Amino acid sequence: MTASLREVPPAGSRLVAGLQRRMVQSLLQPALDPRHPITRQRRRADLLGGLQPLAWGVRREADARGEWLRPDVADAPGSLLYLHGGAYCIGSPRSHRALTTRIARATRRPVYVLDYRLAPEHPWPAALHDAVAAFDAMPGPVLIAGDSAGGGLALLTALALRDRGGAQPAALWLMSPWVDMAPWPAPPPGEAMLSDAWGQACAAHVLAGQPRDVMSPLHQDLHGLPRVLLQFGTDEALHDQGRALHDALAGARVPVQTEVYARRWHVFQLHAGQLRSADDALARAADFLRHDR
């Protein structure tokens, strides 16, 4: 099947989901404000990420560019490159470690979480150069996954590798990807994290005067990409971008499997281990990455 789109109903306790949503709204969303210094936003994201429980059975090995997460059971071939979200301005291996350790355990392969260079200190294409270099250094076959800006970066990395020729990613897993740098529409009432003011401030930092389309893979030629798993929620500002990306990938004849999670917010997978829908999404992704389609 070239393209499929599945609407996924809510799973698990409504009370737990409501508590998780309110936690993000009260602890993280206020920090993602362009009036706050970027350094303060980074500290808050890392602090909150560091408070989340990690998956057991995963060893961490840091190096100068990021960290390897090696599950005790690693019988799947190759490795996975993970690109974190944070609007290209915040985020790190620490902020996403609760999710990435679970990805390593679920996919049963080593995961490399890249600490790519961030704006405004390092505008585009610094992050892309870092991602391509990391891909080249990893044992293949290499899968690429990412959330939010990291999802957009994963797609842009795959496009750069396609155009360069040579080794290509085996598959892409994109969670709530940011694929269009244009202003966002008004978010749905359930959005727990994002605001257009913050997104556009970060876009201005990373673009540094460059045209928006250089970082908007939604508007680029998507032919020749590997198979894609696309996951996003109905209650998030990037919901429309997710649906538009599904249509664009299908139109380019890229094998794409899309899952739209009802009443779930931006990158709800960060709550894996605490939210049933997040656990289900990771299990489906692990199955997708484990088997050819």
Protein backbone atom coordinates (compact mmCIF):
# COMPACT_ATOMS: atom_id res chain seq x y z
CA MET A 1 0.00 0.00 0.00
CA THR A 2 1.45 3.37 -1.03
CA ALA A 3 -0.51 5.48 1.46
CA SER A 4 -2.84 4.84 4.38
CA LEU A 5 -4.39 7.18 6.95
CA ARG A 6 -5.84 5.85 10.18
CA GLU A 7 -7.85 7.78 12.74
CA VAL A 8 -6.87 6.38 16.14
CA PRO A 9 -9.44 6.71 18.96
CA PRO A 10 -8.35 7.68 22.48
CA ALA A 11 -6.95 4.88 24.60
CA GLY A 12 -6.54 4.60 28.35
CA SER A 13 -7.88 6.70 31.19
CA ARG A 14 -9.42 10.08 30.37
CA LEU A 15 -8.37 11.25 33.83
CA VAL A 16 -4.70 10.37 33.23
CA ALA A 17 -4.76 12.03 29.81
CA GLY A 18 -6.32 15.16 31.29
CA LEU A 19 -3.71 15.33 34.03
CA GLN A 20 -0.86 14.92 31.55
CA ARG A 21 -2.27 17.65 29.31
CA ARG A 22 -2.66 20.06 32.22
CA MET A 23 0.86 19.31 33.41
CA VAL A 24 2.28 20.38 30.05
CA GLN A 25 0.04 23.45 29.95
CA SER A 26 1.07 24.56 33.42
CA LEU A 27 4.77 23.65 33.50
CA LEU A 28 6.09 23.86 29.92
CA GLN A 29 3.78 26.05 27.86
CA PRO A 30 4.38 29.22 29.95
CA ALA A 31 8.14 28.81 29.45
CA LEU A 32 7.80 28.70 25.66
CA ASP A 33 7.34 32.42 25.36
CA PRO A 34 9.42 34.69 23.09
CA ARG A 35 9.60 37.21 25.93
CA HIS A 36 11.83 34.80 27.87
CA PRO A 37 15.52 34.44 26.97
CA ILE A 38 16.34 31.35 24.95
CA THR A 39 18.76 30.20 27.65
CA ARG A 40 15.93 30.21 30.20
CA GLN A 41 13.69 28.23 27.86
CA ARG A 42 16.43 25.66 27.34
CA ARG A 43 16.98 25.24 31.08
CA ARG A 44 13.26 24.70 31.70
CA ALA A 45 12.96 22.10 28.92
CA ASP A 46 15.99 20.19 30.19
CA LEU A 47 14.80 20.40 33.80
CA LEU A 48 11.33 19.05 33.01
CA GLY A 49 12.74 16.36 30.75
CA GLY A 50 15.17 15.30 33.44
CA LEU A 51 12.33 14.78 35.92
CA GLN A 52 10.62 12.16 33.75
CA PRO A 53 11.25 8.45 34.46
CA LEU A 54 13.57 6.67 32.04
CA ALA A 55 13.09 3.25 30.53
CA TRP A 56 14.94 0.44 32.23
CA GLY A 57 17.36 -1.83 30.39
CA VAL A 58 19.05 0.91 28.35
CA ARG A 59 22.67 2.03 28.70
CA ARG A 60 23.69 5.60 27.93
CA GLU A 61 27.03 6.52 26.33
CA ALA A 62 27.64 10.23 25.78
CA ASP A 63 30.09 11.66 23.27
CA ALA A 64 30.93 15.14 21.99
CA ARG A 65 27.97 15.31 19.59
CA GLY A 66 25.18 13.55 21.48
CA GLU A 67 24.52 10.25 23.17
CA TRP A 68 24.06 6.59 22.31
CA LEU A 69 21.24 4.70 23.99
CA ARG A 70 21.92 0.97 23.84
CA PRO A 71 19.18 -1.44 24.93
CA ASP A 72 20.16 -4.63 26.71
CA VAL A 73 18.19 -6.50 24.04
CA ALA A 74 19.42 -5.20 20.68
CA ASP A 75 18.69 -7.80 18.04
CA ALA A 76 17.38 -5.49 15.27
CA PRO A 77 19.79 -4.53 12.49
CA GLY A 78 21.39 -1.14 12.13
CA SER A 79 20.71 1.93 14.25
CA LEU A 80 18.31 4.84 14.66
CA LEU A 81 19.18 8.54 14.48
CA TYR A 82 16.89 10.63 16.70
CA LEU A 83 16.43 14.37 16.13
CA HIS A 84 14.75 16.15 19.06
CA GLY A 85 12.18 18.91 18.87
CA GLY A 86 12.33 22.41 20.27
CA ALA A 87 11.73 24.74 17.30
CA TYR A 88 15.44 24.59 16.40
CA CYS A 89 16.17 26.81 19.44
CA ILE A 90 15.78 24.60 22.52
CA GLY A 91 15.88 20.88 23.36
CA SER A 92 18.69 18.40 23.90
CA PRO A 93 19.29 14.70 24.52
CA ARG A 94 18.43 15.39 28.18
CA SER A 95 15.05 16.98 27.46
CA HIS A 96 13.91 13.93 25.45
CA ARG A 97 15.62 11.10 27.33
CA ALA A 98 12.43 9.63 28.81
CA LEU A 99 11.13 9.16 25.25
CA THR A 100 14.37 8.13 23.56
CA THR A 101 15.24 5.44 26.10
CA ARG A 102 11.82 3.93 25.44
CA ILE A 103 12.39 4.12 21.70
CA ALA A 104 15.67 2.24 22.08
CA ARG A 105 14.00 -0.48 24.14
CA ALA A 106 10.94 -0.73 21.88
CA THR A 107 12.86 -0.84 18.59
CA ARG A 108 15.58 -3.12 20.03
CA ARG A 109 18.37 -1.23 18.33
CA PRO A 110 20.93 1.42 19.32
CA VAL A 111 19.60 4.98 19.16
CA TYR A 112 21.83 7.98 18.64
CA VAL A 113 20.31 11.22 19.96
CA LEU A 114 22.06 14.07 18.21
CA ASP A 115 22.80 17.27 20.14
CA TYR A 116 22.66 19.35 16.96
CA ARG A 117 23.55 23.02 16.94
CA LEU A 118 20.71 25.41 17.83
CA ALA A 119 19.65 28.90 16.82
CA PRO A 120 20.12 31.77 17.26
CA GLU A 121 23.80 30.99 17.80
CA HIS A 122 23.80 28.63 14.81
CA PRO A 123 21.20 29.45 12.12
CA TRP A 124 20.24 27.16 9.25
CA PRO A 125 21.80 25.01 7.82
CA ALA A 126 23.96 24.16 10.85
CA ALA A 127 21.42 21.62 12.17
CA LEU A 128 21.18 19.96 8.76
CA HIS A 129 24.95 19.66 8.44
CA ASP A 130 25.11 18.05 11.88
CA ALA A 131 22.34 15.58 11.05
CA VAL A 132 23.95 14.49 7.76
CA ALA A 133 27.32 14.05 9.47
CA ALA A 134 25.75 11.96 12.23
CA PHE A 135 23.95 9.78 9.68
CA ASP A 136 27.20 9.16 7.82
CA ALA A 137 28.95 8.04 11.01
CA MET A 138 26.30 5.51 12.09
CA PRO A 139 26.16 1.77 11.36
CA GLY A 140 23.53 0.97 8.76
CA PRO A 141 20.87 0.47 7.88
CA VAL A 142 20.01 3.78 9.57
CA LEU A 143 16.47 4.82 10.45
CA ILE A 144 15.71 8.48 11.21
CA ALA A 145 13.08 9.64 13.69
CA GLY A 146 12.21 13.02 15.11
CA ASP A 147 9.53 15.07 16.81
CA SER A 148 8.25 18.57 15.98
CA ALA A 149 11.19 20.56 14.58
CA GLY A 150 13.17 17.32 14.78
CA GLY A 151 10.56 15.70 12.57
CA GLY A 152 10.97 18.48 10.03
CA LEU A 153 14.75 18.14 10.30
CA ALA A 154 14.47 14.37 9.75
CA LEU A 155 12.56 15.00 6.52
CA LEU A 156 15.00 17.69 5.39
CA THR A 157 17.91 15.36 6.17
CA ALA A 158 16.36 12.61 4.06
CA LEU A 159 15.91 15.07 1.18
CA ALA A 160 19.54 16.18 1.43
CA LEU A 161 20.71 12.55 1.44
CA ARG A 162 18.50 11.75 -1.55
CA ASP A 163 19.94 14.66 -3.52
CA ARG A 164 23.51 13.79 -2.55
CA GLY A 165 23.23 10.12 -3.46
CA GLY A 166 24.84 7.20 -1.67
CA ALA A 167 23.48 5.66 1.53
CA GLN A 168 19.85 6.49 2.30
CA PRO A 169 17.75 6.11 5.47
CA ALA A 170 15.80 2.86 5.61
CA ALA A 171 12.66 4.58 6.93
CA LEU A 172 11.43 7.77 8.62
CA TRP A 173 9.27 8.15 11.73
CA LEU A 174 7.89 11.67 12.09
CA MET A 175 6.01 12.76 15.23
CA SER A 176 4.02 16.00 14.91
CA PRO A 177 6.57 17.30 12.39
CA TRP A 178 7.05 21.03 11.76
CA VAL A 179 7.24 21.08 7.96
CA ASP A 180 6.03 24.57 7.02
CA MET A 181 7.68 27.67 8.51
CA ALA A 182 4.72 29.93 7.66
CA PRO A 183 2.65 31.28 10.58
CA TRP A 184 0.42 28.72 12.26
CA PRO A 185 -3.36 29.06 12.37
CA ALA A 186 -5.07 29.53 15.71
CA PRO A 187 -4.41 26.29 17.65
CA PRO A 188 -7.30 24.07 18.69
CA PRO A 189 -8.46 24.43 22.32
CA GLY A 190 -6.63 21.25 23.32
CA GLU A 191 -3.16 22.44 22.28
CA ALA A 192 -0.97 21.98 25.35
CA MET A 193 2.38 23.37 24.28
CA LEU A 194 2.68 25.56 21.19
CA SER A 195 1.85 29.14 20.31
CA ASP A 196 2.31 30.90 16.98
CA ALA A 197 4.19 33.76 18.66
CA TRP A 198 6.81 31.37 20.01
CA GLY A 199 7.03 29.39 16.77
CA GLN A 200 7.51 32.48 14.64
CA ALA A 201 10.12 33.92 17.00
CA CYS A 202 12.10 30.68 16.76
CA ALA A 203 11.61 30.56 12.98
CA ALA A 204 13.10 34.04 12.72
CA HIS A 205 16.10 32.95 14.82
CA VAL A 206 16.90 29.87 12.76
CA LEU A 207 16.13 31.33 9.32
CA ALA A 208 18.16 34.49 10.01
CA GLY A 209 16.74 36.20 6.94
CA GLN A 210 16.66 33.16 4.65
CA PRO A 211 13.46 32.29 2.73
CA ARG A 212 10.96 30.18 4.68
CA ASP A 213 10.82 27.50 1.99
CA VAL A 214 14.44 26.41 2.55
CA MET A 215 13.21 24.87 5.83
CA SER A 216 9.68 23.93 4.70
CA PRO A 217 9.84 20.40 3.28
CA LEU A 218 6.08 20.45 2.79
CA HIS A 219 6.71 22.70 -0.23
CA GLN A 220 9.66 20.76 -1.64
CA ASP A 221 9.92 17.81 -4.04
CA LEU A 222 9.31 14.71 -1.92
CA HIS A 223 9.81 12.06 -4.61
CA GLY A 224 12.21 9.22 -3.90
CA LEU A 225 12.00 9.20 -0.11
CA PRO A 226 11.94 6.00 1.96
CA ARG A 227 8.77 4.79 3.65
CA VAL A 228 7.36 7.10 6.31
CA LEU A 229 5.37 6.67 9.51
CA LEU A 230 3.62 9.93 10.38
CA GLN A 231 1.94 10.41 13.78
CA PHE A 232 0.18 13.48 15.17
CA GLY A 233 -2.83 14.45 17.26
CA THR A 234 -6.06 16.26 16.57
CA ASP A 235 -5.51 18.74 19.42
CA GLU A 236 -2.35 20.45 18.20
CA ALA A 237 -1.33 23.49 16.21
CA LEU A 238 0.51 21.34 13.64
CA HIS A 239 -2.46 19.06 12.95
CA ASP A 240 -3.17 20.68 9.57
CA GLN A 241 0.50 20.43 8.60
CA GLY A 242 0.40 16.72 9.36
CA ARG A 243 -2.57 16.12 7.09
CA ALA A 244 -1.04 18.25 4.34
CA LEU A 245 2.22 16.30 4.60
CA HIS A 246 0.34 13.01 4.28
CA ASP A 247 -1.27 14.24 1.07
CA ALA A 248 2.04 15.57 -0.28
CA LEU A 249 3.87 12.31 0.42
CA ALA A 250 1.07 10.27 -1.12
CA GLY A 251 1.10 12.56 -4.16
CA ALA A 252 4.84 11.97 -4.52
CA ARG A 253 4.22 8.19 -4.34
CA VAL A 254 6.18 7.86 -1.10
CA PRO A 255 4.94 4.91 0.99
CA VAL A 256 3.35 6.67 3.96
CA GLN A 257 1.42 5.31 6.93
CA THR A 258 -0.32 8.08 8.88
CA GLU A 259 -1.91 7.81 12.31
CA VAL A 260 -4.05 10.66 13.64
CA TYR A 261 -4.66 10.34 17.39
CA ALA A 262 -7.95 11.75 18.62
CA ARG A 263 -7.81 14.23 21.54
CA ARG A 264 -4.02 14.09 21.74
CA TRP A 265 -1.70 17.08 21.83
CA HIS A 266 1.66 18.00 20.34
CA VAL A 267 4.21 15.15 20.66
CA PHE A 268 2.09 13.27 23.18
CA GLN A 269 4.59 10.41 22.76
CA LEU A 270 6.75 12.25 25.30
CA HIS A 271 4.40 10.78 27.92
CA ALA A 272 5.25 7.17 27.08
CA GLY A 273 5.27 5.09 30.24
CA GLN A 274 2.48 7.23 31.70
CA LEU A 275 -0.08 7.58 28.88
CA ARG A 276 -1.65 4.59 27.14
CA SER A 277 -1.95 6.36 23.78
CA ALA A 278 1.76 7.20 23.87
CA ASP A 279 2.69 3.60 24.64
CA ASP A 280 0.48 2.41 21.78
CA ALA A 281 2.06 4.91 19.37
CA LEU A 282 5.56 3.70 20.27
CA ALA A 283 4.53 0.06 19.87
CA ARG A 284 3.12 0.77 16.41
CA ALA A 285 6.25 2.68 15.45
CA ALA A 286 8.49 -0.14 16.64
CA ASP A 287 6.50 -2.58 14.52
CA PHE A 288 6.71 -0.26 11.51
CA LEU A 289 10.47 0.14 11.86
CA ARG A 290 11.03 -3.56 12.48
CA HIS A 291 9.30 -4.86 9.38
CA ASP A 292 9.38 -4.06 5.69
CA ARG A 293 6.17 -2.70 4.23
